[in-house]
Amino acid sequence: MKTIKMLLITGLTFLFYLSGIAQNKYDEPYRPQFHFSPEKGWIGDPSGLIYYRGNYQMFWWGKVTSTDLVYYRQESPKVMNGDDGTISYFTGSVAVDKNNTAGFGENELIAAYTVFNKATKSQAQGISYSNDGLVFNYYKGNPVLDIGSTEFRDPTVFWNMSTSKWIMVVAKALEKKIKFYSSPDLKKWTWMSDFGPGEATEKAWECPDLIQLPVDGNSNNRKWVLIVSFDWAHEQYFIGNFDGTSFKKDQHQPDTPLYVDRGLDFYASRTFRDYDHVLKSTTSIGWIATWDYAQLVPSAWGKGFWSIPRDLELKTFPEGIRLIQKPIENLKVLRTSPVSYTSKLPKGTSKLSKFAPQENIYEIDATFSTKTTNVFGFNLCVGDGRKVSFSYDTQSETLIIDRTNCPNVPIDKFSRTTSAKVIPVNKEIRMHFYVDKSSIELFTNEGKDVFTLLTYPAENQVGIETFAEKDGTKMTLNAWKLNTIWKQKRN
C-alpha cells in the first residue's frame, strides 16, 4: 500500500460503517452486484485469504466469509483489537497455527501485517492472534521484525512443510526487493535471502505472494510463482524455484515483465491458503483500483471493491510457461436469460440487438475468427455519447482498450487507454467479459492475457455494440444476464 495515501484513509472503514443505514440494500449507484464490496467505507488490499473449517475467510482488517466465493457475508468492519492507538495496520496475511508454535493455542489464527508507526512513519512486521477469527488481539511483543525502515511492508506468511518453518515473504519497497525470512514460532525471524530488483521496477514493489502451481495440470511438475505488485498500479510474476531459503527465477523466463493483468485497475492480489487441505485449485482475488484515483471515485457507499475470484494455473505455450487465470466455475450459478448465436460482423458499428440487458450486470463470451484481416471489437457501456472500446487488430495482433470517455462524472487521471499483444489460438480470439456496474474484467483466449478496468458509467449507459472496419469476420457469441448476489440470502 502507498504510505502517504493510506494515512488519509486509516480508520475511515469503521467511521463509514457507523454512519451507514441499518439495512443496506446494496443497490446504490456504481455498487458492484457480483463483486464483493463492504457495506460501507474503504476496502483496500485483500489480506489474509484462507480456507478453513469449510469457509473462505477474507480480511482487509474487516472480515468477510463465503462458502462458495459467489455469495458473501460481511462479519465485521474491524477485527483488530488491543493496540495503543499509535499504529496503523497495513497489508498482510493470516495463518492457522495448528501446532501452537507461537504459544497462543492450537489452531489459533495469526494475522501477520505491517505495523505503521504514526509518529516515526516506520514500517515493521507485527502479529495478532485470534481463536474465533473475529477479534484479533495485538501481540505485546510487537514488532516481531523491524529493520529500521519506512518502506518495509506487506508480509505473506505460510508454513513450509519441507523445512518445518514459517516463511515470510515481504517487500523492501523502494529497493524493489523481496526479502525471505524464516521462523520456528512466528515471533523470532531470521533473514534468509533477497530477490530483485528485476523486470518492472517503477516506483515501488509491494504485496508479494509466493505460490506453487502444477504445469499443464501435472501435479508431479510444479513451479513456484512469485507475484509482486509494482508502480501502485500493476502486478508482475516470476516463475522459478523456491528451495525453502531463496527464490530463483527460471533461466528461460524473459527479461521483460510478465504481467498478471494488462488492464488499468488490478493490484495487490493474494491467493487463498487451504488449511483444510481439500481445495482442488489455487484461487486469487485482487483489488480493483489504482492509487492515482482510488479515493476520488464517485461511489457514495464507500471506496473500492475486489475482483471476481480467479483460478490460477501454469501452462506451456510456444514462448514458454505462462500464468493463466480463469473465472471460478461457481460464478455460472448467476447466469440467466441465455443468448447464443453465430453471425458475421458487418462493416461499421452495429447495436447488439439480440442481447440488450437493461443494466451493466452481464457476461459475454465471444469468439472471433482471425482468418479475415480486420479490425473489430466491442463498445460497452454505450450511452449519452460515452463508451468503453475494445478493439482488436488482426495484423498487429494487438488489443486496444479505450475508456477515455466512459465515466459520467470527471475523475482526475482516469482517462486512459491500454494495449497488449494477444496472439490468436487456432486462428481465433476469445473475449470473455464480466461487466458489473462500475468495472469490466476481460479474459482473452485461455486466460493468459487478462484486462481489468474501472468504468463508472451512468445508469443509462447500458448499450452494447460490435464494430468492424470491413465485412466478413465470423463471431460466435454466448451471453447471459447475471443475477445480483445481494438479493439472495448471504451465506
Protein backbone atom coordinates (compact mmCIF):
# COMPACT_ATOMS: atom_id res chain seq x y z
CA MET A 1 0.00 0.00 0.00
CA LYS A 2 1.11 3.52 -0.63
CA THR A 3 2.08 5.06 2.70
CA ILE A 4 1.05 8.70 2.27
CA LYS A 5 -2.34 7.90 0.82
CA MET A 6 -3.04 5.19 3.36
CA LEU A 7 -2.62 7.73 6.15
CA LEU A 8 -5.52 9.69 4.71
CA ILE A 9 -7.95 6.75 4.92
CA THR A 10 -6.77 5.00 8.11
CA GLY A 11 -9.72 4.46 10.38
CA LEU A 12 -12.34 5.50 7.82
CA THR A 13 -13.69 1.97 7.46
CA PHE A 14 -15.21 1.95 10.94
CA LEU A 15 -16.45 5.54 10.73
CA PHE A 16 -18.22 4.87 7.43
CA TYR A 17 -19.79 1.76 8.92
CA LEU A 18 -21.17 3.61 11.95
CA SER A 19 -22.68 6.28 9.74
CA GLY A 20 -24.36 3.73 7.43
CA ILE A 21 -28.01 2.81 7.39
CA ALA A 22 -29.16 -0.17 9.42
CA GLN A 23 -30.06 -2.35 6.45
CA ASN A 24 -28.10 -1.67 3.28
CA LYS A 25 -29.85 -2.73 0.07
CA TYR A 26 -26.57 -2.84 -1.88
CA ASP A 27 -28.21 -1.12 -4.85
CA GLU A 28 -26.57 2.32 -4.72
CA PRO A 29 -25.15 3.86 -7.92
CA TYR A 30 -21.92 2.16 -9.04
CA ARG A 31 -22.27 -0.61 -6.40
CA PRO A 32 -20.93 -3.87 -7.92
CA GLN A 33 -23.56 -6.60 -7.99
CA PHE A 34 -21.41 -9.73 -8.20
CA HIS A 35 -18.12 -8.48 -6.73
CA PHE A 36 -17.54 -8.15 -3.01
CA SER A 37 -17.65 -4.64 -1.59
CA PRO A 38 -18.06 -3.75 2.09
CA GLU A 39 -21.35 -2.43 3.39
CA LYS A 40 -19.82 0.98 3.98
CA GLY A 41 -16.38 2.52 3.89
CA TRP A 42 -12.97 1.78 2.47
CA ILE A 43 -11.61 -1.52 1.24
CA GLY A 44 -8.04 -1.94 0.08
CA ASP A 45 -5.71 -4.86 -0.49
CA PRO A 46 -7.07 -8.36 0.16
CA SER A 47 -5.32 -9.59 3.31
CA GLY A 48 -5.35 -12.97 4.96
CA LEU A 49 -7.18 -15.10 2.40
CA ILE A 50 -7.63 -18.57 3.90
CA TYR A 51 -9.90 -21.58 3.50
CA TYR A 52 -10.54 -23.05 6.94
CA ARG A 53 -13.29 -25.13 8.51
CA GLY A 54 -15.32 -25.12 5.32
CA ASN A 55 -15.28 -21.37 4.81
CA TYR A 56 -13.40 -18.91 2.68
CA GLN A 57 -12.27 -16.23 5.11
CA MET A 58 -11.06 -12.89 3.76
CA PHE A 59 -9.75 -9.84 5.55
CA TRP A 60 -8.97 -6.22 4.86
CA TRP A 61 -8.82 -5.93 8.65
CA GLY A 62 -12.53 -6.06 8.31
CA LYS A 63 -13.73 -9.60 7.63
CA VAL A 64 -15.97 -11.34 5.10
CA THR A 65 -16.72 -15.05 4.68
CA SER A 66 -18.17 -17.21 1.93
CA THR A 67 -18.84 -20.89 1.30
CA ASP A 68 -18.64 -20.58 -2.50
CA LEU A 69 -16.95 -17.26 -3.41
CA VAL A 70 -20.19 -16.14 -5.05
CA TYR A 71 -22.29 -15.01 -2.07
CA TYR A 72 -20.63 -13.21 0.83
CA ARG A 73 -21.35 -12.39 4.45
CA GLN A 74 -19.64 -9.38 5.99
CA GLU A 75 -18.72 -10.48 9.51
CA SER A 76 -17.12 -7.32 10.88
CA PRO A 77 -15.87 -3.93 9.67
CA LYS A 78 -12.97 -4.08 12.15
CA VAL A 79 -11.29 -7.15 13.66
CA MET A 80 -8.08 -5.72 15.12
CA ASN A 81 -8.01 -5.07 18.87
CA GLY A 82 -5.63 -4.14 21.65
CA ASP A 83 -3.12 -1.70 20.17
CA ASP A 84 -2.43 1.59 21.92
CA GLY A 85 -3.58 3.84 19.07
CA THR A 86 -0.11 4.84 17.93
CA ILE A 87 -0.04 2.42 14.99
CA SER A 88 -1.99 1.57 11.87
CA TYR A 89 -2.47 -1.91 10.41
CA PHE A 90 -1.20 -2.22 6.85
CA THR A 91 -1.50 -5.14 4.43
CA GLY A 92 -0.65 -8.67 5.50
CA SER A 93 -1.82 -12.27 5.70
CA VAL A 94 -3.41 -14.82 8.04
CA ALA A 95 -2.14 -18.26 9.01
CA VAL A 96 -3.60 -21.07 11.11
CA ASP A 97 -1.12 -22.16 13.79
CA LYS A 98 -2.35 -25.75 14.06
CA ASN A 99 0.53 -26.95 16.26
CA ASN A 100 0.71 -23.94 18.61
CA THR A 101 4.19 -22.93 17.51
CA ALA A 102 3.56 -19.36 18.69
CA GLY A 103 2.22 -20.36 22.11
CA PHE A 104 -1.22 -18.75 21.76
CA GLY A 105 -3.01 -22.08 21.45
CA GLU A 106 -3.64 -24.82 18.93
CA ASN A 107 -5.46 -23.74 15.75
CA GLU A 108 -5.11 -20.08 16.67
CA LEU A 109 -5.46 -17.70 13.73
CA ILE A 110 -2.38 -15.50 13.44
CA ALA A 111 -2.54 -12.28 11.44
CA ALA A 112 0.85 -11.05 10.21
CA TYR A 113 0.85 -7.48 8.92
CA THR A 114 2.85 -4.30 8.65
CA VAL A 115 2.81 -2.13 11.77
CA PHE A 116 2.91 1.50 10.71
CA ASN A 117 4.07 3.83 13.46
CA LYS A 118 2.14 7.09 13.09
CA ALA A 119 4.82 9.20 14.80
CA THR A 120 8.02 7.84 13.24
CA LYS A 121 6.49 6.59 9.96
CA SER A 122 8.42 3.35 10.42
CA GLN A 123 7.16 0.12 8.90
CA ALA A 124 7.81 -3.14 10.74
CA GLN A 125 6.07 -6.50 10.90
CA GLY A 126 3.72 -7.49 13.71
CA ILE A 127 1.26 -10.22 14.63
CA SER A 128 -2.13 -10.54 16.29
CA TYR A 129 -3.88 -13.72 17.39
CA SER A 130 -7.48 -14.90 17.47
CA ASN A 131 -9.38 -18.02 18.46
CA ASP A 132 -12.60 -17.06 16.67
CA GLY A 133 -11.38 -15.09 13.64
CA LEU A 134 -13.48 -12.09 14.64
CA VAL A 135 -11.32 -10.42 17.28
CA PHE A 136 -7.54 -10.39 16.80
CA ASN A 137 -5.52 -9.46 19.89
CA TYR A 138 -2.43 -7.34 19.44
CA TYR A 139 0.79 -9.13 20.48
CA LYS A 140 2.51 -7.02 23.13
CA GLY A 141 5.91 -8.09 21.86
CA ASN A 142 5.37 -6.34 18.52
CA PRO A 143 7.05 -5.63 16.26
CA VAL A 144 8.37 -9.13 15.64
CA LEU A 145 10.54 -7.96 12.72
CA ASP A 146 11.96 -4.45 12.48
CA ILE A 147 14.83 -3.44 10.21
CA GLY A 148 14.51 0.29 10.87
CA SER A 149 12.83 1.11 7.56
CA THR A 150 9.95 3.30 6.43
CA GLU A 151 9.47 1.19 3.27
CA PHE A 152 9.22 -2.42 4.51
CA ARG A 153 5.77 -3.94 4.15
CA ASP A 154 3.02 -6.39 3.20
CA PRO A 155 4.10 -9.81 4.55
CA THR A 156 2.78 -13.13 3.27
CA VAL A 157 3.34 -15.86 5.87
CA PHE A 158 2.91 -19.61 5.36
CA TRP A 159 4.18 -22.91 6.80
CA ASN A 160 6.85 -24.66 4.72
CA MET A 161 6.46 -28.42 5.07
CA SER A 162 9.93 -29.21 3.68
CA THR A 163 11.77 -27.15 6.32
CA SER A 164 9.16 -27.26 9.13
CA LYS A 165 9.40 -23.49 9.50
CA TRP A 166 7.25 -20.46 8.88
CA ILE A 167 8.22 -18.43 5.82
CA MET A 168 7.69 -14.69 5.49
CA VAL A 169 7.79 -13.07 2.05
CA VAL A 170 7.90 -9.29 2.46
CA ALA A 171 8.75 -6.26 0.31
CA LYS A 172 11.57 -3.75 0.72
CA ALA A 173 9.52 -1.38 -1.39
CA LEU A 174 11.78 1.36 -2.74
CA GLU A 175 14.72 -1.02 -3.19
CA LYS A 176 12.43 -3.24 -5.32
CA LYS A 177 13.43 -6.31 -3.35
CA ILE A 178 11.52 -9.21 -1.90
CA LYS A 179 13.02 -10.47 1.35
CA PHE A 180 12.64 -14.02 2.66
CA TYR A 181 12.65 -14.80 6.38
CA SER A 182 12.04 -17.98 8.39
CA SER A 183 10.78 -18.57 11.93
CA PRO A 184 10.00 -21.53 14.20
CA ASP A 185 7.33 -19.61 16.16
CA LEU A 186 6.15 -16.52 14.21
CA LYS A 187 7.94 -14.31 16.74
CA LYS A 188 11.66 -14.67 16.01
CA TRP A 189 12.55 -14.17 12.35
CA THR A 190 15.81 -14.93 10.54
CA TRP A 191 16.70 -13.37 7.21
CA MET A 192 17.48 -15.95 4.52
CA SER A 193 17.73 -14.20 1.14
CA ASP A 194 16.62 -11.38 -1.16
CA PHE A 195 15.17 -11.43 -4.67
CA GLY A 196 15.27 -8.46 -7.03
CA PRO A 197 15.26 -5.90 -8.45
CA GLY A 198 14.17 -7.27 -11.81
CA GLU A 199 11.98 -6.65 -14.85
CA ALA A 200 9.41 -3.93 -13.97
CA THR A 201 10.86 -1.62 -11.31
CA GLU A 202 8.71 1.52 -11.50
CA LYS A 203 8.06 3.33 -8.21
CA ALA A 204 7.88 0.51 -5.64
CA TRP A 205 7.46 -3.24 -5.07
CA GLU A 206 4.67 -4.30 -2.73
CA CYS A 207 2.25 -7.07 -1.70
CA PRO A 208 4.32 -10.17 -2.61
CA ASP A 209 2.74 -13.62 -2.78
CA LEU A 210 4.52 -16.95 -3.30
CA ILE A 211 2.61 -20.00 -4.51
CA GLN A 212 3.29 -23.36 -6.13
CA LEU A 213 1.30 -24.42 -9.20
CA PRO A 214 1.31 -27.53 -11.41
CA VAL A 215 2.46 -27.11 -15.00
CA ASP A 216 -0.05 -28.27 -17.63
CA GLY A 217 -2.11 -29.94 -14.91
CA ASN A 218 0.73 -32.28 -13.92
CA SER A 219 0.96 -32.42 -10.12
CA ASN A 220 4.40 -34.04 -10.43
CA ASN A 221 5.73 -31.00 -12.28
CA ARG A 222 5.21 -27.94 -10.13
CA LYS A 223 6.76 -24.50 -10.30
CA TRP A 224 6.88 -21.67 -7.79
CA VAL A 225 5.36 -18.35 -8.79
CA LEU A 226 6.35 -15.08 -7.09
CA ILE A 227 3.77 -12.32 -7.64
CA VAL A 228 4.82 -8.72 -7.00
CA SER A 229 2.77 -5.51 -7.22
CA PHE A 230 4.64 -2.54 -8.66
CA ASP A 231 4.18 1.15 -9.51
CA TRP A 232 0.99 1.28 -7.36
CA ALA A 233 -0.99 0.13 -10.39
CA HIS A 234 0.17 -3.24 -11.80
CA GLU A 235 1.44 -6.73 -10.95
CA GLN A 236 4.15 -8.89 -12.45
CA TYR A 237 5.05 -12.52 -11.82
CA PHE A 238 8.21 -14.59 -11.85
CA ILE A 239 8.30 -18.36 -12.43
CA GLY A 240 11.06 -20.32 -10.75
CA ASN A 241 12.07 -22.41 -7.79
CA PHE A 242 11.93 -21.84 -4.04
CA ASP A 243 14.14 -24.21 -2.05
CA GLY A 244 12.99 -23.11 1.38
CA THR A 245 15.68 -20.44 1.56
CA SER A 246 15.70 -18.45 -1.67
CA PHE A 247 13.71 -17.93 -4.84
CA LYS A 248 15.47 -18.20 -8.20
CA LYS A 249 13.84 -17.25 -11.46
CA ASP A 250 13.87 -19.81 -14.28
CA GLN A 251 16.63 -19.05 -16.75
CA HIS A 252 14.19 -19.38 -19.65
CA GLN A 253 11.90 -16.66 -18.32
CA PRO A 254 12.17 -13.45 -20.37
CA ASP A 255 13.81 -10.31 -19.04
CA THR A 256 10.68 -8.33 -19.87
CA PRO A 257 7.81 -8.23 -17.36
CA LEU A 258 5.19 -10.95 -17.25
CA TYR A 259 2.03 -9.13 -16.24
CA VAL A 260 -0.66 -10.68 -14.07
CA ASP A 261 -3.23 -8.30 -15.56
CA ARG A 262 -2.78 -5.97 -18.54
CA GLY A 263 -5.68 -3.69 -17.66
CA LEU A 264 -5.78 -0.41 -15.77
CA ASP A 265 -7.07 -1.38 -12.33
CA PHE A 266 -5.87 -4.65 -10.80
CA TYR A 267 -3.49 -4.67 -7.83
CA ALA A 268 -2.33 -6.40 -4.65
CA SER A 269 -3.84 -9.80 -5.38
CA ARG A 270 -3.50 -12.64 -2.86
CA THR A 271 -4.18 -16.37 -3.09
CA PHE A 272 -6.16 -18.50 -0.65
CA ARG A 273 -4.15 -20.76 1.68
CA ASP A 274 -6.01 -24.03 2.15
CA TYR A 275 -5.86 -25.12 5.81
CA ASP A 276 -8.47 -27.85 5.30
CA HIS A 277 -6.37 -29.43 2.51
CA VAL A 278 -9.42 -30.05 0.32
CA LEU A 279 -9.32 -27.42 -2.44
CA LYS A 280 -8.58 -28.61 -5.96
CA SER A 281 -7.39 -25.26 -7.30
CA THR A 282 -5.45 -22.15 -6.26
CA THR A 283 -7.68 -19.10 -6.30
CA SER A 284 -6.78 -15.42 -6.14
CA ILE A 285 -8.62 -12.16 -5.55
CA GLY A 286 -7.25 -8.70 -6.33
CA TRP A 287 -8.10 -5.09 -5.56
CA ILE A 288 -9.87 -3.32 -8.45
CA ALA A 289 -8.38 0.12 -8.03
CA THR A 290 -5.36 2.26 -8.79
CA TRP A 291 -3.79 4.64 -6.29
CA ASP A 292 -4.00 7.62 -8.66
CA TYR A 293 -7.77 7.87 -8.15
CA ALA A 294 -8.78 5.20 -5.61
CA GLN A 295 -10.13 7.85 -3.25
CA LEU A 296 -11.66 10.01 -5.98
CA VAL A 297 -14.18 7.60 -7.49
CA PRO A 298 -17.85 8.66 -7.15
CA SER A 299 -19.21 5.75 -5.08
CA ALA A 300 -21.02 7.26 -2.08
CA TRP A 301 -21.33 3.94 -0.22
CA GLY A 302 -17.56 3.66 0.09
CA LYS A 303 -14.36 3.27 -1.90
CA GLY A 304 -13.02 0.12 -3.50
CA PHE A 305 -14.03 -3.48 -4.16
CA TRP A 306 -12.42 -6.80 -5.04
CA SER A 307 -12.18 -8.74 -8.29
CA ILE A 308 -14.09 -11.87 -9.14
CA PRO A 309 -12.17 -14.90 -7.86
CA ARG A 310 -9.76 -16.41 -10.39
CA ASP A 311 -8.34 -19.93 -10.53
CA LEU A 312 -4.64 -19.91 -11.36
CA GLU A 313 -2.72 -22.41 -13.47
CA LEU A 314 0.57 -22.67 -15.36
CA LYS A 315 0.51 -23.69 -18.99
CA THR A 316 3.19 -24.23 -21.62
CA PHE A 317 2.96 -22.03 -24.72
CA PRO A 318 5.37 -21.74 -27.67
CA GLU A 319 7.04 -18.80 -25.91
CA GLY A 320 7.34 -20.65 -22.58
CA ILE A 321 5.41 -21.37 -19.39
CA ARG A 322 2.87 -18.71 -18.53
CA LEU A 323 0.31 -17.99 -15.82
CA ILE A 324 -3.31 -18.35 -16.85
CA GLN A 325 -6.36 -17.14 -14.94
CA LYS A 326 -9.91 -18.44 -15.22
CA PRO A 327 -13.10 -17.12 -13.59
CA ILE A 328 -14.20 -19.64 -10.98
CA GLU A 329 -16.83 -22.12 -12.17
CA ASN A 330 -19.20 -21.23 -9.31
CA LEU A 331 -19.99 -17.90 -10.98
CA LYS A 332 -22.09 -19.78 -13.54
CA VAL A 333 -24.92 -20.02 -10.98
CA LEU A 334 -25.58 -16.32 -11.55
CA ARG A 335 -26.36 -16.76 -15.25
CA THR A 336 -29.87 -16.13 -16.57
CA SER A 337 -31.58 -15.30 -19.91
CA PRO A 338 -29.00 -17.01 -22.16
CA VAL A 339 -28.42 -15.84 -25.72
CA SER A 340 -26.37 -17.80 -28.26
CA TYR A 341 -25.77 -17.28 -31.96
CA THR A 342 -23.18 -17.09 -34.74
CA SER A 343 -23.01 -14.30 -37.32
CA LYS A 344 -20.63 -12.30 -39.49
CA LEU A 345 -19.81 -8.76 -38.43
CA PRO A 346 -20.99 -6.10 -40.87
CA LYS A 347 -18.81 -3.16 -41.75
CA GLY A 348 -19.26 -0.24 -39.38
CA THR A 349 -20.82 -0.07 -35.91
CA SER A 350 -23.94 -2.09 -35.05
CA LYS A 351 -26.09 -2.36 -31.98
CA LEU A 352 -26.07 -5.83 -30.47
CA SER A 353 -29.82 -6.28 -30.82
CA LYS A 354 -30.07 -9.95 -29.77
CA PHE A 355 -28.62 -9.22 -26.33
CA ALA A 356 -29.68 -5.95 -24.73
CA PRO A 357 -29.55 -6.06 -20.90
CA GLN A 358 -31.04 -3.09 -19.08
CA GLU A 359 -28.21 -2.98 -16.56
CA ASN A 360 -24.44 -3.37 -16.70
CA ILE A 361 -24.63 -6.74 -14.95
CA TYR A 362 -23.83 -9.37 -17.55
CA GLU A 363 -21.37 -11.83 -19.08
CA ILE A 364 -20.38 -12.08 -22.75
CA ASP A 365 -18.25 -14.90 -24.12
CA ALA A 366 -17.44 -14.14 -27.76
CA THR A 367 -15.07 -15.84 -30.19
CA PHE A 368 -13.89 -14.12 -33.38
CA SER A 369 -12.21 -15.71 -36.37
CA THR A 370 -8.96 -14.01 -37.38
CA LYS A 371 -8.80 -15.65 -40.83
CA THR A 372 -10.04 -12.40 -42.37
CA THR A 373 -7.74 -9.41 -41.92
CA ASN A 374 -9.74 -6.84 -39.99
CA VAL A 375 -10.05 -4.50 -37.03
CA PHE A 376 -13.09 -5.37 -34.93
CA GLY A 377 -14.42 -5.42 -31.41
CA PHE A 378 -16.98 -4.26 -28.87
CA ASN A 379 -18.18 -0.97 -27.48
CA LEU A 380 -19.59 -1.47 -23.98
CA CYS A 381 -21.32 0.92 -21.56
CA VAL A 382 -22.62 2.88 -24.54
CA GLY A 383 -24.89 5.88 -23.97
CA ASP A 384 -25.01 9.68 -23.99
CA GLY A 385 -22.01 9.73 -26.33
CA ARG A 386 -19.86 7.71 -23.93
CA LYS A 387 -18.44 4.16 -24.11
CA VAL A 388 -15.54 1.79 -23.48
CA SER A 389 -13.96 0.40 -26.64
CA PHE A 390 -12.25 -3.00 -27.05
CA SER A 391 -10.58 -3.12 -30.47
CA TYR A 392 -8.56 -6.00 -31.95
CA ASP A 393 -6.28 -5.65 -34.98
CA THR A 394 -5.58 -8.99 -36.67
CA GLN A 395 -2.48 -7.69 -38.47
CA SER A 396 -0.63 -6.41 -35.40
CA GLU A 397 -2.34 -8.95 -33.09
CA THR A 398 -2.98 -6.07 -30.69
CA LEU A 399 -5.91 -5.44 -28.38
CA ILE A 400 -6.55 -1.78 -27.55
CA ILE A 401 -8.84 -0.70 -24.70
CA ASP A 402 -10.01 2.91 -24.60
CA ARG A 403 -12.09 4.18 -21.68
CA THR A 404 -11.16 7.85 -22.04
CA ASN A 405 -14.81 8.86 -22.42
CA CYS A 406 -16.69 6.40 -20.24
CA PRO A 407 -17.42 7.85 -16.77
CA ASN A 408 -20.39 10.19 -16.41
CA VAL A 409 -18.50 12.24 -13.80
CA PRO A 410 -14.97 13.68 -14.00
CA ILE A 411 -12.30 11.61 -12.24
CA ASP A 412 -8.78 13.01 -12.20
CA LYS A 413 -6.23 10.86 -14.13
CA PHE A 414 -8.97 8.38 -15.09
CA SER A 415 -8.97 8.92 -18.88
CA ARG A 416 -6.63 6.24 -20.13
CA THR A 417 -6.02 3.63 -22.78
CA THR A 418 -4.07 0.39 -22.64
CA SER A 419 -2.94 -2.14 -25.21
CA ALA A 420 -1.27 -5.52 -25.40
CA LYS A 421 -0.33 -8.14 -27.95
CA VAL A 422 -2.82 -11.01 -27.81
CA ILE A 423 -1.91 -13.96 -30.03
CA PRO A 424 -4.78 -15.90 -31.66
CA VAL A 425 -5.30 -19.55 -30.79
CA ASN A 426 -6.24 -21.73 -33.76
CA LYS A 427 -6.90 -18.53 -35.71
CA GLU A 428 -9.44 -17.31 -33.18
CA ILE A 429 -9.60 -14.63 -30.48
CA ARG A 430 -11.82 -15.23 -27.50
CA MET A 431 -13.10 -12.26 -25.47
CA HIS A 432 -14.79 -13.29 -22.23
CA PHE A 433 -16.26 -10.25 -20.44
CA TYR A 434 -17.65 -9.82 -16.93
CA VAL A 435 -19.40 -6.44 -16.80
CA ASP A 436 -20.55 -5.16 -13.42
CA LYS A 437 -21.92 -1.64 -12.77
CA SER A 438 -18.54 0.13 -12.49
CA SER A 439 -15.99 -2.40 -13.77
CA ILE A 440 -15.13 -4.77 -16.60
CA GLU A 441 -12.92 -7.85 -16.45
CA LEU A 442 -11.87 -9.36 -19.77
CA PHE A 443 -10.29 -12.81 -20.07
CA THR A 444 -8.84 -13.44 -23.54
CA ASN A 445 -8.26 -16.84 -25.11
CA GLU A 446 -7.36 -19.27 -22.31
CA GLY A 447 -6.80 -16.55 -19.69
CA LYS A 448 -3.15 -15.83 -20.43
CA ASP A 449 -3.94 -12.17 -21.02
CA VAL A 450 -6.45 -10.57 -18.65
CA PHE A 451 -7.63 -6.96 -18.55
CA THR A 452 -9.38 -5.34 -15.58
CA LEU A 453 -10.63 -1.76 -15.54
CA LEU A 454 -12.99 0.56 -13.72
CA THR A 455 -15.67 2.32 -15.77
CA TYR A 456 -18.18 4.37 -13.67
CA PRO A 457 -20.79 4.89 -16.40
CA ALA A 458 -24.22 6.45 -15.90
CA GLU A 459 -27.13 4.12 -15.14
CA ASN A 460 -28.43 4.54 -18.70
CA GLN A 461 -25.07 3.69 -20.32
CA VAL A 462 -26.02 0.07 -20.99
CA GLY A 463 -25.67 -0.15 -24.77
CA ILE A 464 -23.58 -2.87 -26.44
CA GLU A 465 -22.18 -2.50 -29.96
CA THR A 466 -19.99 -4.50 -32.29
CA PHE A 467 -17.84 -2.84 -34.93
CA ALA A 468 -15.57 -3.83 -37.81
CA GLU A 469 -13.58 -1.96 -40.46
CA LYS A 470 -14.84 -4.34 -43.13
CA ASP A 471 -17.32 -7.17 -43.62
CA GLY A 472 -16.70 -10.85 -43.05
CA THR A 473 -15.35 -11.58 -39.55
CA LYS A 474 -17.18 -14.52 -38.02
CA MET A 475 -18.36 -14.11 -34.42
CA THR A 476 -19.80 -16.79 -32.13
CA LEU A 477 -21.46 -15.22 -29.10
CA ASN A 478 -22.80 -16.60 -25.84
CA ALA A 479 -24.19 -14.09 -23.35
CA TRP A 480 -26.08 -14.04 -20.07
CA LYS A 481 -27.59 -11.52 -17.76
CA LEU A 482 -26.21 -12.09 -14.28
CA ASN A 483 -28.23 -12.11 -11.08
CA THR A 484 -27.14 -9.86 -8.26
CA ILE A 485 -25.58 -11.59 -5.28
CA TRP A 486 -27.11 -9.14 -2.81
CA LYS A 487 -30.79 -10.07 -3.20
CA GLN A 488 -30.04 -13.62 -2.12
CA LYS A 489 -29.50 -14.75 1.44
CA ARG A 490 -25.85 -14.07 2.18
CA ASN A 491 -24.14 -17.24 3.40
